[in-house]
Amino acid sequence: MRDGAVGDDRVGDQGAEEPAGPGSARVEALSDAIIAIAATLLVIELAVPAAGADVGHALLEEVPAFLAYGVSFLTILIFWVNHHALFGIVRRVDRPLLFLNGLVLLGISFISYPTATLGRALQAGVHDRAAAVFYAAVLCGTASAFTGIWCYLRFRPRLLSETARGAVQGALRRSLAGPGAYAIAALVGAANAALGLALCALVAAYFTLAPRRPGRAGAA
């Protein structure tokens, strides 16, 4: 069985260390559910053309909101892909890892709010820079939480499958690009909201590329 009660590190009868805690199946199931809901919530903020309205004109007005939606959906998708890759090499979980994963899910589940905020600002033509900074800052925080998992696993190799332990350092380096790039996007967004969103899209595009070595993954 993969799952059991969360426990402390133990030393077996033969003196060999055993990894603490249950397997990752339940963590992945909960994470998949929350990520799926977060991705679905994005579309709720898109306005449907009113009855009798000029549909073509109404849809054109929604283009900024569509762009924000597309960037956010791709970002959440990348988080899910890399989350799947990460827990594919995690053999056991412990309490700190559970809470770190919870922080990632907190950020992902919140993405719909800054997406709607930025989409409405761009749609209104105000190009609210604060909305762009807010959007990029939320993505930066979420990516930082994801990177935090890799940092933790760097010092807890017993939680990983033996074949993947050597890949953590490379995955951590790749993951660090996420928070750094989103921080730059926030700075750019402070000057130009549309460019800030465009840079966030480039970050998501970068993380669509597969890692060069098996077992490596990053954070969107």
N, C-alpha and C. Protein backbone atom coordinates (compact mmCIF):
# COMPACT_ATOMS: atom_id res chain seq x y z
N MET A 1 0.84 -1.20 0.00
CA MET A 1 0.00 0.00 0.00
C MET A 1 0.86 1.24 0.00
N ARG A 2 0.43 2.28 -0.69
CA ARG A 2 1.22 3.50 -0.77
C ARG A 2 0.95 4.41 0.41
N ASP A 3 -0.29 4.37 0.97
CA ASP A 3 -0.67 5.34 1.97
C ASP A 3 -0.69 4.71 3.36
N GLY A 4 -0.47 5.52 4.34
CA GLY A 4 -0.53 5.10 5.72
C GLY A 4 -0.56 6.32 6.59
N ALA A 5 -0.36 6.16 7.87
CA ALA A 5 -0.38 7.32 8.77
C ALA A 5 0.91 8.08 8.67
N VAL A 6 0.80 9.40 8.80
CA VAL A 6 2.00 10.23 8.78
C VAL A 6 2.79 9.95 10.02
N GLY A 7 4.08 9.72 9.88
CA GLY A 7 4.89 9.42 11.05
C GLY A 7 6.24 10.07 10.96
N ASP A 8 7.06 9.83 11.97
CA ASP A 8 8.40 10.37 12.00
C ASP A 8 9.35 9.40 11.32
N ASP A 9 10.59 9.86 11.06
CA ASP A 9 11.59 9.00 10.46
C ASP A 9 11.84 7.81 11.38
N ARG A 10 11.99 6.66 10.80
CA ARG A 10 12.23 5.45 11.59
C ARG A 10 13.50 4.76 11.12
N VAL A 11 14.04 3.96 11.99
CA VAL A 11 15.19 3.14 11.65
C VAL A 11 14.75 1.70 11.75
N GLY A 12 14.92 0.98 10.68
CA GLY A 12 14.47 -0.40 10.64
C GLY A 12 15.27 -1.30 11.56
N ASP A 13 14.80 -2.56 11.68
CA ASP A 13 15.45 -3.52 12.56
C ASP A 13 16.89 -3.77 12.15
N GLN A 14 17.19 -3.62 10.87
CA GLN A 14 18.54 -3.88 10.40
C GLN A 14 19.40 -2.62 10.44
N GLY A 15 18.85 -1.52 11.00
CA GLY A 15 19.63 -0.29 11.10
C GLY A 15 19.53 0.59 9.88
N ALA A 16 18.77 0.18 8.86
CA ALA A 16 18.64 0.97 7.64
C ALA A 16 17.53 2.00 7.83
N GLU A 17 17.76 3.22 7.39
CA GLU A 17 16.77 4.27 7.53
C GLU A 17 15.64 4.05 6.55
N GLU A 18 14.42 4.31 7.01
CA GLU A 18 13.25 4.21 6.16
C GLU A 18 12.61 5.58 6.04
N PRO A 19 12.11 5.94 4.87
CA PRO A 19 11.47 7.24 4.71
C PRO A 19 10.22 7.35 5.55
N ALA A 20 9.94 8.55 6.06
CA ALA A 20 8.80 8.77 6.92
C ALA A 20 7.55 9.05 6.11
N GLY A 21 6.41 8.78 6.74
CA GLY A 21 5.15 9.23 6.19
C GLY A 21 4.58 8.34 5.12
N PRO A 22 3.37 8.68 4.66
CA PRO A 22 2.68 7.88 3.65
C PRO A 22 3.18 8.15 2.26
N GLY A 23 2.64 7.42 1.29
CA GLY A 23 2.94 7.68 -0.10
C GLY A 23 2.20 8.92 -0.58
N SER A 24 2.39 9.24 -1.85
CA SER A 24 1.90 10.51 -2.36
C SER A 24 0.55 10.42 -3.07
N ALA A 25 -0.10 9.27 -3.09
CA ALA A 25 -1.33 9.10 -3.86
C ALA A 25 -2.42 10.07 -3.43
N ARG A 26 -2.63 10.19 -2.12
CA ARG A 26 -3.70 11.07 -1.63
C ARG A 26 -3.36 12.53 -1.89
N VAL A 27 -2.07 12.87 -1.78
CA VAL A 27 -1.64 14.25 -2.04
C VAL A 27 -1.93 14.61 -3.49
N GLU A 28 -1.60 13.71 -4.40
CA GLU A 28 -1.83 13.96 -5.82
C GLU A 28 -3.32 14.05 -6.13
N ALA A 29 -4.14 13.21 -5.50
CA ALA A 29 -5.58 13.23 -5.75
C ALA A 29 -6.19 14.57 -5.31
N LEU A 30 -5.82 15.02 -4.10
CA LEU A 30 -6.33 16.31 -3.62
C LEU A 30 -5.84 17.45 -4.50
N SER A 31 -4.57 17.41 -4.85
CA SER A 31 -3.98 18.48 -5.67
C SER A 31 -4.65 18.53 -7.04
N ASP A 32 -4.86 17.39 -7.66
CA ASP A 32 -5.52 17.36 -8.97
C ASP A 32 -6.91 17.97 -8.90
N ALA A 33 -7.64 17.66 -7.83
CA ALA A 33 -9.00 18.18 -7.69
C ALA A 33 -9.00 19.71 -7.56
N ILE A 34 -8.12 20.22 -6.71
CA ILE A 34 -8.06 21.67 -6.49
C ILE A 34 -7.60 22.39 -7.75
N ILE A 35 -6.60 21.84 -8.42
CA ILE A 35 -6.10 22.47 -9.65
C ILE A 35 -7.18 22.47 -10.73
N ALA A 36 -7.94 21.38 -10.83
CA ALA A 36 -9.01 21.32 -11.83
C ALA A 36 -10.07 22.37 -11.56
N ILE A 37 -10.43 22.54 -10.30
CA ILE A 37 -11.43 23.55 -9.93
C ILE A 37 -10.90 24.95 -10.23
N ALA A 38 -9.63 25.19 -9.89
CA ALA A 38 -9.03 26.51 -10.13
C ALA A 38 -9.03 26.86 -11.61
N ALA A 39 -8.72 25.89 -12.46
CA ALA A 39 -8.72 26.13 -13.90
C ALA A 39 -10.13 26.40 -14.42
N THR A 40 -11.11 25.71 -13.85
CA THR A 40 -12.50 25.89 -14.27
C THR A 40 -13.04 27.26 -13.86
N LEU A 41 -12.65 27.72 -12.67
CA LEU A 41 -13.16 29.00 -12.16
C LEU A 41 -12.76 30.18 -13.03
N LEU A 42 -11.69 30.04 -13.79
CA LEU A 42 -11.22 31.15 -14.62
C LEU A 42 -12.29 31.62 -15.60
N VAL A 43 -13.04 30.69 -16.15
CA VAL A 43 -13.99 31.04 -17.21
C VAL A 43 -15.22 31.76 -16.66
N ILE A 44 -15.47 31.64 -15.37
CA ILE A 44 -16.66 32.25 -14.78
C ILE A 44 -16.64 33.76 -14.91
N GLU A 45 -15.43 34.34 -14.89
CA GLU A 45 -15.32 35.79 -14.94
C GLU A 45 -15.47 36.36 -16.34
N LEU A 46 -15.56 35.52 -17.36
CA LEU A 46 -15.75 36.01 -18.72
C LEU A 46 -17.22 36.36 -18.94
N ALA A 47 -17.46 37.56 -19.44
CA ALA A 47 -18.83 38.04 -19.60
C ALA A 47 -19.46 37.50 -20.89
N VAL A 48 -20.68 37.01 -20.77
CA VAL A 48 -21.44 36.56 -21.93
C VAL A 48 -22.14 37.76 -22.55
N PRO A 49 -22.10 37.92 -23.88
CA PRO A 49 -22.80 39.05 -24.51
C PRO A 49 -24.27 39.10 -24.11
N ALA A 50 -24.75 40.28 -23.81
CA ALA A 50 -26.15 40.44 -23.40
C ALA A 50 -27.08 40.12 -24.57
N ALA A 51 -28.29 39.70 -24.24
CA ALA A 51 -29.28 39.39 -25.27
C ALA A 51 -29.55 40.63 -26.11
N GLY A 52 -29.52 40.48 -27.42
CA GLY A 52 -29.80 41.58 -28.31
C GLY A 52 -28.60 42.47 -28.60
N ALA A 53 -27.48 42.21 -27.93
CA ALA A 53 -26.28 43.03 -28.14
C ALA A 53 -25.57 42.61 -29.42
N ASP A 54 -24.71 43.48 -29.90
CA ASP A 54 -23.87 43.17 -31.06
C ASP A 54 -22.80 42.18 -30.58
N VAL A 55 -22.99 40.92 -30.91
CA VAL A 55 -22.10 39.87 -30.39
C VAL A 55 -20.66 40.10 -30.81
N GLY A 56 -20.45 40.46 -32.07
CA GLY A 56 -19.09 40.69 -32.54
C GLY A 56 -18.40 41.79 -31.76
N HIS A 57 -19.09 42.90 -31.54
CA HIS A 57 -18.52 44.01 -30.78
C HIS A 57 -18.27 43.60 -29.33
N ALA A 58 -19.23 42.87 -28.76
CA ALA A 58 -19.08 42.44 -27.36
C ALA A 58 -17.88 41.51 -27.19
N LEU A 59 -17.69 40.62 -28.15
CA LEU A 59 -16.56 39.70 -28.07
C LEU A 59 -15.23 40.44 -28.23
N LEU A 60 -15.21 41.44 -29.10
CA LEU A 60 -13.99 42.24 -29.26
C LEU A 60 -13.64 42.96 -27.96
N GLU A 61 -14.65 43.43 -27.25
CA GLU A 61 -14.40 44.10 -25.98
C GLU A 61 -13.85 43.14 -24.94
N GLU A 62 -14.15 41.86 -25.11
CA GLU A 62 -13.70 40.86 -24.15
C GLU A 62 -12.29 40.33 -24.45
N VAL A 63 -11.69 40.75 -25.54
CA VAL A 63 -10.38 40.22 -25.93
C VAL A 63 -9.34 40.33 -24.81
N PRO A 64 -9.20 41.48 -24.12
CA PRO A 64 -8.23 41.53 -23.02
C PRO A 64 -8.51 40.49 -21.94
N ALA A 65 -9.80 40.29 -21.63
CA ALA A 65 -10.15 39.29 -20.63
C ALA A 65 -9.83 37.89 -21.15
N PHE A 66 -10.04 37.65 -22.46
CA PHE A 66 -9.69 36.36 -23.05
C PHE A 66 -8.18 36.10 -22.94
N LEU A 67 -7.39 37.14 -23.19
CA LEU A 67 -5.94 36.99 -23.12
C LEU A 67 -5.49 36.65 -21.69
N ALA A 68 -6.05 37.38 -20.72
CA ALA A 68 -5.70 37.09 -19.33
C ALA A 68 -6.12 35.67 -18.96
N TYR A 69 -7.30 35.26 -19.43
CA TYR A 69 -7.76 33.90 -19.19
C TYR A 69 -6.80 32.88 -19.79
N GLY A 70 -6.39 33.11 -21.04
CA GLY A 70 -5.50 32.17 -21.71
C GLY A 70 -4.16 32.03 -21.00
N VAL A 71 -3.59 33.16 -20.57
CA VAL A 71 -2.31 33.11 -19.87
C VAL A 71 -2.45 32.36 -18.55
N SER A 72 -3.53 32.64 -17.83
CA SER A 72 -3.73 32.00 -16.53
C SER A 72 -4.01 30.51 -16.67
N PHE A 73 -4.80 30.15 -17.69
CA PHE A 73 -5.08 28.72 -17.88
C PHE A 73 -3.80 27.97 -18.22
N LEU A 74 -2.99 28.55 -19.11
CA LEU A 74 -1.73 27.91 -19.47
C LEU A 74 -0.81 27.81 -18.25
N THR A 75 -0.80 28.85 -17.44
CA THR A 75 0.03 28.83 -16.23
C THR A 75 -0.41 27.73 -15.28
N ILE A 76 -1.71 27.62 -15.05
CA ILE A 76 -2.21 26.56 -14.17
C ILE A 76 -1.90 25.19 -14.76
N LEU A 77 -2.04 25.07 -16.08
CA LEU A 77 -1.71 23.80 -16.73
C LEU A 77 -0.25 23.43 -16.50
N ILE A 78 0.64 24.43 -16.62
CA ILE A 78 2.06 24.16 -16.41
C ILE A 78 2.33 23.77 -14.96
N PHE A 79 1.66 24.44 -14.03
CA PHE A 79 1.80 24.05 -12.62
C PHE A 79 1.39 22.58 -12.44
N TRP A 80 0.28 22.21 -13.09
CA TRP A 80 -0.19 20.83 -12.93
C TRP A 80 0.80 19.84 -13.54
N VAL A 81 1.30 20.14 -14.74
CA VAL A 81 2.25 19.25 -15.40
C VAL A 81 3.50 19.06 -14.55
N ASN A 82 4.04 20.17 -14.03
CA ASN A 82 5.26 20.07 -13.23
C ASN A 82 4.99 19.46 -11.85
N HIS A 83 3.79 19.70 -11.33
CA HIS A 83 3.41 19.07 -10.06
C HIS A 83 3.33 17.55 -10.26
N HIS A 84 2.77 17.14 -11.38
CA HIS A 84 2.68 15.71 -11.70
C HIS A 84 4.09 15.11 -11.81
N ALA A 85 4.99 15.83 -12.48
CA ALA A 85 6.36 15.34 -12.62
C ALA A 85 7.07 15.27 -11.27
N LEU A 86 6.85 16.27 -10.45
CA LEU A 86 7.51 16.31 -9.13
C LEU A 86 7.07 15.11 -8.29
N PHE A 87 5.77 14.93 -8.15
CA PHE A 87 5.30 13.84 -7.29
C PHE A 87 5.45 12.47 -7.95
N GLY A 88 5.83 12.47 -9.21
CA GLY A 88 6.17 11.20 -9.84
C GLY A 88 7.46 10.62 -9.31
N ILE A 89 8.32 11.47 -8.71
CA ILE A 89 9.57 10.98 -8.14
C ILE A 89 9.56 11.00 -6.62
N VAL A 90 8.46 11.48 -6.02
CA VAL A 90 8.34 11.47 -4.56
C VAL A 90 7.79 10.12 -4.13
N ARG A 91 8.56 9.42 -3.30
CA ARG A 91 8.15 8.09 -2.85
C ARG A 91 7.32 8.15 -1.58
N ARG A 92 7.67 9.08 -0.70
CA ARG A 92 6.96 9.24 0.56
C ARG A 92 6.77 10.72 0.84
N VAL A 93 5.81 11.07 1.67
CA VAL A 93 5.60 12.46 2.07
C VAL A 93 5.63 12.58 3.59
N ASP A 94 5.97 13.77 4.08
CA ASP A 94 5.92 14.02 5.51
C ASP A 94 5.13 15.31 5.74
N ARG A 95 4.97 15.72 6.97
CA ARG A 95 4.13 16.87 7.30
C ARG A 95 4.61 18.17 6.65
N PRO A 96 5.91 18.51 6.74
CA PRO A 96 6.35 19.74 6.07
C PRO A 96 6.05 19.75 4.58
N LEU A 97 6.24 18.63 3.92
CA LEU A 97 5.96 18.56 2.48
C LEU A 97 4.47 18.76 2.21
N LEU A 98 3.63 18.22 3.07
CA LEU A 98 2.19 18.41 2.91
C LEU A 98 1.82 19.88 3.00
N PHE A 99 2.41 20.59 3.96
CA PHE A 99 2.09 22.00 4.12
C PHE A 99 2.66 22.84 2.98
N LEU A 100 3.86 22.49 2.52
CA LEU A 100 4.42 23.20 1.37
C LEU A 100 3.55 23.01 0.14
N ASN A 101 3.07 21.80 -0.05
CA ASN A 101 2.16 21.54 -1.16
C ASN A 101 0.87 22.33 -1.00
N GLY A 102 0.43 22.48 0.24
CA GLY A 102 -0.76 23.27 0.51
C GLY A 102 -0.58 24.73 0.11
N LEU A 103 0.62 25.27 0.31
CA LEU A 103 0.89 26.65 -0.11
C LEU A 103 0.80 26.80 -1.62
N VAL A 104 1.30 25.80 -2.35
CA VAL A 104 1.18 25.83 -3.81
C VAL A 104 -0.28 25.82 -4.23
N LEU A 105 -1.08 24.97 -3.60
CA LEU A 105 -2.49 24.88 -3.93
C LEU A 105 -3.23 26.17 -3.56
N LEU A 106 -2.81 26.80 -2.46
CA LEU A 106 -3.39 28.09 -2.07
C LEU A 106 -3.19 29.12 -3.18
N GLY A 107 -1.97 29.19 -3.70
CA GLY A 107 -1.69 30.14 -4.76
C GLY A 107 -2.45 29.83 -6.03
N ILE A 108 -2.49 28.56 -6.43
CA ILE A 108 -3.18 28.18 -7.66
C ILE A 108 -4.67 28.47 -7.56
N SER A 109 -5.27 28.15 -6.41
CA SER A 109 -6.71 28.37 -6.26
C SER A 109 -7.08 29.84 -6.24
N PHE A 110 -6.10 30.72 -6.00
CA PHE A 110 -6.35 32.16 -5.92
C PHE A 110 -6.16 32.87 -7.26
N ILE A 111 -5.57 32.18 -8.23
CA ILE A 111 -5.19 32.83 -9.49
C ILE A 111 -6.38 33.44 -10.22
N SER A 112 -7.56 32.87 -10.07
CA SER A 112 -8.72 33.40 -10.79
C SER A 112 -9.03 34.85 -10.39
N TYR A 113 -8.75 35.23 -9.16
CA TYR A 113 -9.06 36.58 -8.70
C TYR A 113 -8.19 37.64 -9.37
N PRO A 114 -6.85 37.54 -9.32
CA PRO A 114 -6.05 38.53 -10.04
C PRO A 114 -6.24 38.48 -11.55
N THR A 115 -6.61 37.30 -12.07
CA THR A 115 -6.90 37.20 -13.51
C THR A 115 -8.10 38.07 -13.88
N ALA A 116 -9.17 37.96 -13.07
CA ALA A 116 -10.36 38.77 -13.33
C ALA A 116 -10.06 40.25 -13.13
N THR A 117 -9.27 40.56 -12.11
CA THR A 117 -8.93 41.96 -11.82
C THR A 117 -8.16 42.58 -12.98
N LEU A 118 -7.16 41.87 -13.48
CA LEU A 118 -6.36 42.39 -14.59
C LEU A 118 -7.17 42.43 -15.88
N GLY A 119 -7.96 41.38 -16.13
CA GLY A 119 -8.76 41.34 -17.35
C GLY A 119 -9.74 42.50 -17.43
N ARG A 120 -10.39 42.81 -16.30
CA ARG A 120 -11.35 43.92 -16.29
C ARG A 120 -10.64 45.26 -16.49
N ALA A 121 -9.47 45.40 -15.86
CA ALA A 121 -8.73 46.65 -16.01
C ALA A 121 -8.32 46.88 -17.46
N LEU A 122 -7.80 45.84 -18.10
CA LEU A 122 -7.40 45.96 -19.51
C LEU A 122 -8.61 46.16 -20.41
N GLN A 123 -9.70 45.49 -20.08
CA GLN A 123 -10.92 45.61 -20.89
C GLN A 123 -11.48 47.03 -20.83
N ALA A 124 -11.36 47.65 -19.67
CA ALA A 124 -11.88 49.02 -19.51
C ALA A 124 -10.97 50.04 -20.16
N GLY A 125 -9.79 49.61 -20.59
CA GLY A 125 -8.86 50.51 -21.24
C GLY A 125 -8.08 51.40 -20.30
N VAL A 126 -8.16 51.09 -19.00
CA VAL A 126 -7.45 51.94 -18.04
C VAL A 126 -5.99 51.50 -17.88
N HIS A 127 -5.70 50.27 -18.31
CA HIS A 127 -4.34 49.74 -18.21
C HIS A 127 -3.78 49.94 -16.79
N ASP A 128 -4.57 49.49 -15.83
CA ASP A 128 -4.22 49.66 -14.43
C ASP A 128 -2.95 48.89 -14.10
N ARG A 129 -1.89 49.61 -13.83
CA ARG A 129 -0.61 48.97 -13.55
C ARG A 129 -0.63 48.20 -12.23
N ALA A 130 -1.42 48.69 -11.28
CA ALA A 130 -1.51 47.98 -10.01
C ALA A 130 -2.09 46.58 -10.21
N ALA A 131 -3.04 46.44 -11.13
CA ALA A 131 -3.64 45.13 -11.42
C ALA A 131 -2.59 44.19 -12.00
N ALA A 132 -1.73 44.70 -12.87
CA ALA A 132 -0.68 43.88 -13.47
C ALA A 132 0.35 43.45 -12.42
N VAL A 133 0.70 44.37 -11.54
CA VAL A 133 1.66 44.04 -10.47
C VAL A 133 1.06 42.98 -9.55
N PHE A 134 -0.21 43.16 -9.21
CA PHE A 134 -0.91 42.20 -8.36
C PHE A 134 -0.93 40.82 -9.00
N TYR A 135 -1.25 40.77 -10.27
CA TYR A 135 -1.32 39.50 -11.01
C TYR A 135 0.04 38.79 -11.00
N ALA A 136 1.09 39.51 -11.39
CA ALA A 136 2.42 38.91 -11.44
C ALA A 136 2.91 38.53 -10.05
N ALA A 137 2.54 39.30 -9.03
CA ALA A 137 2.98 39.01 -7.67
C ALA A 137 2.36 37.70 -7.16
N VAL A 138 1.08 37.46 -7.51
CA VAL A 138 0.43 36.21 -7.11
C VAL A 138 1.12 35.02 -7.77
N LEU A 139 1.44 35.16 -9.06
CA LEU A 139 2.14 34.07 -9.76
C LEU A 139 3.54 33.87 -9.18
N CYS A 140 4.19 34.97 -8.81
CA CYS A 140 5.52 34.88 -8.22
C CYS A 140 5.46 34.13 -6.89
N GLY A 141 4.46 34.45 -6.07
CA GLY A 141 4.32 33.77 -4.79
C GLY A 141 4.03 32.29 -4.96
N THR A 142 3.18 31.96 -5.92
CA THR A 142 2.85 30.55 -6.16
C THR A 142 4.06 29.79 -6.67
N ALA A 143 4.80 30.40 -7.60
CA ALA A 143 6.02 29.76 -8.11
C ALA A 143 7.06 29.61 -7.01
N SER A 144 7.12 30.57 -6.10
CA SER A 144 8.07 30.49 -4.98
C SER A 144 7.73 29.33 -4.07
N ALA A 145 6.43 29.11 -3.84
CA ALA A 145 6.01 27.98 -3.03
C ALA A 145 6.38 26.66 -3.70
N PHE A 146 6.22 26.61 -5.03
CA PHE A 146 6.60 25.40 -5.76
C PHE A 146 8.11 25.17 -5.65
N THR A 147 8.87 26.23 -5.79
CA THR A 147 10.32 26.12 -5.66
C THR A 147 10.70 25.70 -4.24
N GLY A 148 9.89 26.14 -3.27
CA GLY A 148 10.13 25.73 -1.88
C GLY A 148 10.06 24.23 -1.69
N ILE A 149 9.18 23.58 -2.45
CA ILE A 149 9.10 22.11 -2.37
C ILE A 149 10.41 21.49 -2.84
N TRP A 150 10.96 22.00 -3.97
CA TRP A 150 12.23 21.47 -4.46
C TRP A 150 13.35 21.74 -3.46
N CYS A 151 13.34 22.91 -2.83
CA CYS A 151 14.36 23.21 -1.82
C CYS A 151 14.27 22.22 -0.67
N TYR A 152 13.06 21.93 -0.24
CA TYR A 152 12.87 20.99 0.86
C TYR A 152 13.34 19.60 0.47
N LEU A 153 12.96 19.17 -0.74
CA LEU A 153 13.37 17.83 -1.18
C LEU A 153 14.87 17.72 -1.36
N ARG A 154 15.51 18.85 -1.63
CA ARG A 154 16.98 18.86 -1.76
C ARG A 154 17.64 18.37 -0.49
N PHE A 155 17.01 18.64 0.65
CA PHE A 155 17.57 18.24 1.94
C PHE A 155 16.85 17.04 2.55
N ARG A 156 15.90 16.49 1.83
CA ARG A 156 15.18 15.30 2.30
C ARG A 156 15.16 14.24 1.20
N PRO A 157 16.32 13.79 0.77
CA PRO A 157 16.37 12.84 -0.35
C PRO A 157 15.69 11.51 -0.04
N ARG A 158 15.52 11.19 1.24
CA ARG A 158 14.88 9.91 1.58
C ARG A 158 13.42 9.87 1.16
N LEU A 159 12.84 11.05 0.88
CA LEU A 159 11.46 11.07 0.42
C LEU A 159 11.34 10.74 -1.06
N LEU A 160 12.46 10.70 -1.77
CA LEU A 160 12.45 10.51 -3.21
C LEU A 160 12.81 9.07 -3.58
N SER A 161 12.42 8.69 -4.78
CA SER A 161 12.87 7.41 -5.30
C SER A 161 14.37 7.49 -5.54
N GLU A 162 15.06 6.40 -5.35
CA GLU A 162 16.52 6.40 -5.42
C GLU A 162 17.04 6.86 -6.77
N THR A 163 16.35 6.52 -7.82
CA THR A 163 16.81 6.88 -9.16
C THR A 163 16.68 8.36 -9.46
N ALA A 164 15.87 9.08 -8.67
CA ALA A 164 15.61 10.50 -8.95
C ALA A 164 16.38 11.44 -8.05
N ARG A 165 17.10 10.93 -7.07
CA ARG A 165 17.73 11.81 -6.09
C ARG A 165 18.76 12.73 -6.71
N GLY A 166 19.43 12.28 -7.74
CA GLY A 166 20.45 13.11 -8.37
C GLY A 166 19.88 14.21 -9.24
N ALA A 167 18.58 14.16 -9.52
CA ALA A 167 17.98 15.15 -10.43
C ALA A 167 17.44 16.37 -9.71
N VAL A 168 17.40 16.35 -8.38
CA VAL A 168 16.76 17.43 -7.64
C VAL A 168 17.48 18.75 -7.82
N GLN A 169 18.81 18.73 -7.80
CA GLN A 169 19.56 19.98 -7.92
C GLN A 169 19.27 20.67 -9.25
N GLY A 170 19.23 19.91 -10.33
CA GLY A 170 18.93 20.49 -11.63
C GLY A 170 17.51 21.01 -11.69
N ALA A 171 16.57 20.27 -11.10
CA ALA A 171 15.18 20.71 -11.08
C ALA A 171 15.03 21.98 -10.27
N LEU A 172 15.76 22.08 -9.18
CA LEU A 172 15.71 23.29 -8.36
C LEU A 172 16.21 24.50 -9.12
N ARG A 173 17.31 24.34 -9.86
CA ARG A 173 17.84 25.46 -10.64
C ARG A 173 16.82 25.91 -11.69
N ARG A 174 16.19 24.97 -12.35
CA ARG A 174 15.18 25.31 -13.36
C ARG A 174 13.98 25.99 -12.71
N SER A 175 13.59 25.50 -11.55
CA SER A 175 12.43 26.05 -10.87
C SER A 175 12.65 27.49 -10.42
N LEU A 176 13.87 27.84 -10.06
CA LEU A 176 14.17 29.20 -9.61
C LEU A 176 13.90 30.24 -10.67
N ALA A 177 13.87 29.83 -11.94
CA ALA A 177 13.59 30.78 -13.00
C ALA A 177 12.17 31.34 -12.90
N GLY A 178 11.25 30.57 -12.33
CA GLY A 178 9.86 31.01 -12.22
C GLY A 178 9.68 32.24 -11.35
N PRO A 179 10.03 32.16 -10.05
CA PRO A 179 9.87 33.34 -9.19
C PRO A 179 10.64 34.55 -9.70
N GLY A 180 11.85 34.33 -10.21
CA GLY A 180 12.64 35.45 -10.71
C GLY A 180 11.98 36.13 -11.89
N ALA A 181 11.47 35.34 -12.83
CA ALA A 181 10.84 35.91 -14.02
C ALA A 181 9.54 36.62 -13.67
N TYR A 182 8.77 36.07 -12.75
CA TYR A 182 7.52 36.73 -12.36
C TYR A 182 7.79 38.02 -11.59
N ALA A 183 8.88 38.06 -10.83
CA ALA A 183 9.25 39.30 -10.15
C ALA A 183 9.58 40.39 -11.18
N ILE A 184 10.28 39.98 -12.24
CA ILE A 184 10.57 40.94 -13.32
C ILE A 184 9.28 41.38 -14.00
N ALA A 185 8.35 40.42 -14.19
CA ALA A 185 7.06 40.76 -14.81
C ALA A 185 6.29 41.78 -13.97
N ALA A 186 6.40 41.67 -12.65
CA ALA A 186 5.74 42.63 -11.77
C ALA A 186 6.34 44.02 -11.95
N LEU A 187 7.66 44.08 -12.08
CA LEU A 187 8.32 45.37 -12.30
C LEU A 187 7.92 45.97 -13.64
N VAL A 188 7.86 45.10 -14.66
CA VAL A 188 7.45 45.57 -15.99
C VAL A 188 5.99 46.02 -15.95
N GLY A 189 5.15 45.26 -15.25
CA GLY A 189 3.74 45.61 -15.15
C GLY A 189 3.52 46.94 -14.45
N ALA A 190 4.44 47.32 -13.57
CA ALA A 190 4.33 48.61 -12.90
C ALA A 190 4.48 49.76 -13.88
N ALA A 191 5.12 49.48 -15.01
CA ALA A 191 5.28 50.51 -16.05
C ALA A 191 4.25 50.38 -17.15
N ASN A 192 3.89 49.11 -17.48
CA ASN A 192 2.94 48.87 -18.56
C ASN A 192 2.22 47.55 -18.29
N ALA A 193 0.91 47.63 -18.04
CA ALA A 193 0.14 46.44 -17.65
C ALA A 193 0.15 45.38 -18.73
N ALA A 194 -0.03 45.79 -19.99
CA ALA A 194 -0.09 44.82 -21.09
C ALA A 194 1.23 44.09 -21.26
N LEU A 195 2.34 44.81 -21.12
CA LEU A 195 3.65 44.17 -21.23
C LEU A 195 3.89 43.22 -20.06
N GLY A 196 3.40 43.58 -18.89
CA GLY A 196 3.54 42.68 -17.75
C GLY A 196 2.84 41.36 -17.99
N LEU A 197 1.62 41.43 -18.55
CA LEU A 197 0.89 40.21 -18.88
C LEU A 197 1.62 39.43 -19.96
N ALA A 198 2.17 40.13 -20.94
CA ALA A 198 2.90 39.45 -22.01
C ALA A 198 4.11 38.70 -21.48
N LEU A 199 4.79 39.29 -20.52
CA LEU A 199 5.95 38.62 -19.94
C LEU A 199 5.54 37.39 -19.16
N CYS A 200 4.40 37.47 -18.45
CA CYS A 200 3.88 36.29 -17.75
C CYS A 200 3.57 35.17 -18.74
N ALA A 201 3.08 35.56 -19.92
CA ALA A 201 2.81 34.56 -20.96
C ALA A 201 4.10 33.91 -21.44
N LEU A 202 5.17 34.69 -21.54
CA LEU A 202 6.46 34.14 -21.96
C LEU A 202 7.01 33.17 -20.92
N VAL A 203 6.79 33.48 -19.65
CA VAL A 203 7.24 32.57 -18.58
C VAL A 203 6.51 31.24 -18.72
N ALA A 204 5.20 31.30 -18.93
CA ALA A 204 4.43 30.07 -19.10
C ALA A 204 4.91 29.29 -20.32
N ALA A 205 5.20 30.02 -21.40
CA ALA A 205 5.68 29.37 -22.62
C ALA A 205 7.02 28.67 -22.37
N TYR A 206 7.88 29.30 -21.59
CA TYR A 206 9.18 28.70 -21.28
C TYR A 206 9.00 27.37 -20.57
N PHE A 207 8.07 27.33 -19.63
CA PHE A 207 7.90 26.10 -18.85
C PHE A 207 7.08 25.04 -19.58
N THR A 208 6.62 25.34 -20.78
CA THR A 208 6.01 24.28 -21.58
C THR A 208 7.08 23.37 -22.17
N LEU A 209 8.32 23.85 -22.21
CA LEU A 209 9.41 23.05 -22.75
C LEU A 209 9.77 21.95 -21.75
N ALA A 210 9.94 20.75 -22.26
CA ALA A 210 10.27 19.63 -21.39
C ALA A 210 11.69 19.80 -20.86
N PRO A 211 11.93 19.39 -19.60
CA PRO A 211 13.30 19.41 -19.08
C PRO A 211 14.21 18.57 -19.95
N ARG A 212 15.46 18.95 -19.98
CA ARG A 212 16.41 18.26 -20.84
C ARG A 212 16.79 16.88 -20.32
N ARG A 213 16.58 16.65 -19.05
CA ARG A 213 16.91 15.34 -18.49
C ARG A 213 15.69 14.76 -17.81
N PRO A 214 15.52 13.45 -17.86
CA PRO A 214 14.38 12.82 -17.19
C PRO A 214 14.44 13.10 -15.70
N GLY A 215 13.25 13.31 -15.12
CA GLY A 215 13.19 13.51 -13.68
C GLY A 215 13.30 14.95 -13.27
N ARG A 216 13.60 15.84 -14.23
CA ARG A 216 13.71 17.25 -13.88
C ARG A 216 12.41 17.96 -14.22
N ALA A 217 12.02 18.88 -13.35
CA ALA A 217 10.81 19.64 -13.58
C ALA A 217 10.99 21.01 -12.96
N GLY A 218 10.18 21.95 -13.39
CA GLY A 218 10.31 23.30 -12.86
C GLY A 218 9.02 23.80 -12.30
N ALA A 219 8.93 25.09 -12.12
CA ALA A 219 7.71 25.71 -11.62
C ALA A 219 7.31 26.81 -12.55
N ALA A 220 6.03 26.90 -12.84
CA ALA A 220 5.57 27.95 -13.72
C ALA A 220 5.48 29.26 -12.98
